[in-house]
Amino acid sequence: MPQHAPDTLARAADWRDQAACRETDPELFFSDVPGTVGRAVAVCDGCPVIQQCGTWALAQHIKEGVWGGLTADERRLIHRRGYKGRSRGKQGAA
């Protein structure tokens, strides 16, 4: 049986495979530099999986960065208002 590197093994398609941020420096989404949050949100605005990303971040209680077009403060507010999303899953970040 041939040996394959782990990244070449077949796996199920995932919403992250379609994420617009895959082609963007991840630092943009976690930066404290003024003006970068708006640039990060702009990347999200054009993303075909923005809703899946935001839902995942809310369900995982991600506390930092921009996910699904939502800042950390926006996600905290959603949780304070009683977000009742899916339970924590095992899938990773964007």
Protein backbone atom coordinates (compact mmCIF):
# COMPACT_ATOMS: atom_id res chain seq x y z
CA MET A 1 0.00 0.00 0.00
CA PRO A 2 1.52 3.37 -0.97
CA GLN A 3 2.31 5.86 1.76
CA HIS A 4 0.81 9.36 1.52
CA ALA A 5 1.61 12.52 3.37
CA PRO A 6 -1.25 13.40 5.77
CA ASP A 7 -2.23 16.48 3.78
CA THR A 8 -2.81 14.43 0.62
CA LEU A 9 -5.30 12.01 2.17
CA ALA A 10 -8.88 12.34 1.03
CA ARG A 11 -11.20 14.11 3.46
CA ALA A 12 -14.73 15.40 3.41
CA ALA A 13 -15.34 18.86 1.99
CA ASP A 14 -15.54 21.53 4.66
CA TRP A 15 -16.88 25.11 4.71
CA ARG A 16 -13.35 26.31 5.49
CA ASP A 17 -12.21 25.13 2.07
CA GLN A 18 -14.31 27.90 0.51
CA ALA A 19 -13.41 30.67 2.97
CA ALA A 20 -12.23 33.94 1.43
CA CYS A 21 -9.69 34.35 4.25
CA ARG A 22 -7.70 31.33 3.05
CA GLU A 23 -5.86 33.69 0.70
CA THR A 24 -5.38 36.44 3.32
CA ASP A 25 -2.73 36.89 5.99
CA PRO A 26 -4.32 35.56 9.21
CA GLU A 27 -2.75 38.41 11.19
CA LEU A 28 -5.32 40.73 9.61
CA PHE A 29 -8.11 38.99 11.55
CA PHE A 30 -6.32 39.22 14.91
CA SER A 31 -4.64 42.62 14.67
CA ASP A 32 -4.86 45.47 17.18
CA VAL A 33 -3.73 48.01 14.58
CA PRO A 34 -6.40 50.68 13.98
CA GLY A 35 -8.26 50.20 10.72
CA THR A 36 -7.50 46.51 10.32
CA VAL A 37 -10.83 45.33 11.74
CA GLY A 38 -12.64 47.07 8.90
CA ARG A 39 -10.34 45.44 6.35
CA ALA A 40 -10.91 42.02 7.94
CA VAL A 41 -14.69 42.50 7.92
CA ALA A 42 -14.48 43.55 4.25
CA VAL A 43 -12.84 40.20 3.42
CA CYS A 44 -15.65 38.45 5.27
CA ASP A 45 -18.32 40.47 3.45
CA GLY A 46 -17.33 38.86 0.17
CA CYS A 47 -17.04 35.35 1.59
CA PRO A 48 -19.41 32.58 0.44
CA VAL A 49 -19.27 30.88 3.85
CA ILE A 50 -19.61 33.94 6.11
CA GLN A 51 -22.64 32.50 7.92
CA GLN A 52 -21.05 29.11 8.60
CA CYS A 53 -17.93 30.83 9.92
CA GLY A 54 -19.83 33.17 12.22
CA THR A 55 -22.04 30.37 13.51
CA TRP A 56 -18.99 28.21 14.19
CA ALA A 57 -17.21 31.01 16.08
CA LEU A 58 -20.30 31.65 18.20
CA ALA A 59 -20.78 27.95 18.96
CA GLN A 60 -17.11 27.60 19.90
CA HIS A 61 -17.14 30.74 22.06
CA ILE A 62 -14.13 32.11 20.15
CA LYS A 63 -13.02 35.14 22.12
CA GLU A 64 -10.57 36.82 19.73
CA GLY A 65 -10.42 37.94 16.15
CA VAL A 66 -12.89 38.55 13.35
CA TRP A 67 -14.91 35.48 12.36
CA GLY A 68 -17.86 35.45 9.98
CA GLY A 69 -17.72 39.22 9.74
CA LEU A 70 -18.22 39.54 13.51
CA THR A 71 -15.72 41.13 15.86
CA ALA A 72 -15.00 39.67 19.30
CA ASP A 73 -17.11 42.43 20.88
CA GLU A 74 -20.04 41.70 18.56
CA ARG A 75 -19.88 37.98 19.40
CA ARG A 76 -19.78 38.76 23.14
CA LEU A 77 -22.90 40.91 22.75
CA ILE A 78 -24.70 38.15 20.86
CA HIS A 79 -23.88 35.73 23.66
CA ARG A 80 -25.05 38.18 26.32
CA ARG A 81 -28.34 38.48 24.48
CA GLY A 82 -28.85 34.73 24.83
CA TYR A 83 -27.30 33.02 21.80
CA LYS A 84 -28.46 29.40 21.81
CA GLY A 85 -26.44 27.96 18.94
CA ARG A 86 -25.21 24.46 18.42
CA SER A 87 -22.97 22.86 21.00
CA ARG A 88 -19.23 22.96 20.62
CA GLY A 89 -17.95 20.90 17.71
CA LYS A 90 -14.52 19.66 16.76
CA GLN A 91 -14.04 21.55 13.49
CA GLY A 92 -11.36 24.21 13.38
CA ALA A 93 -10.98 27.82 12.42
CA ALA A 94 -11.15 29.65 9.15
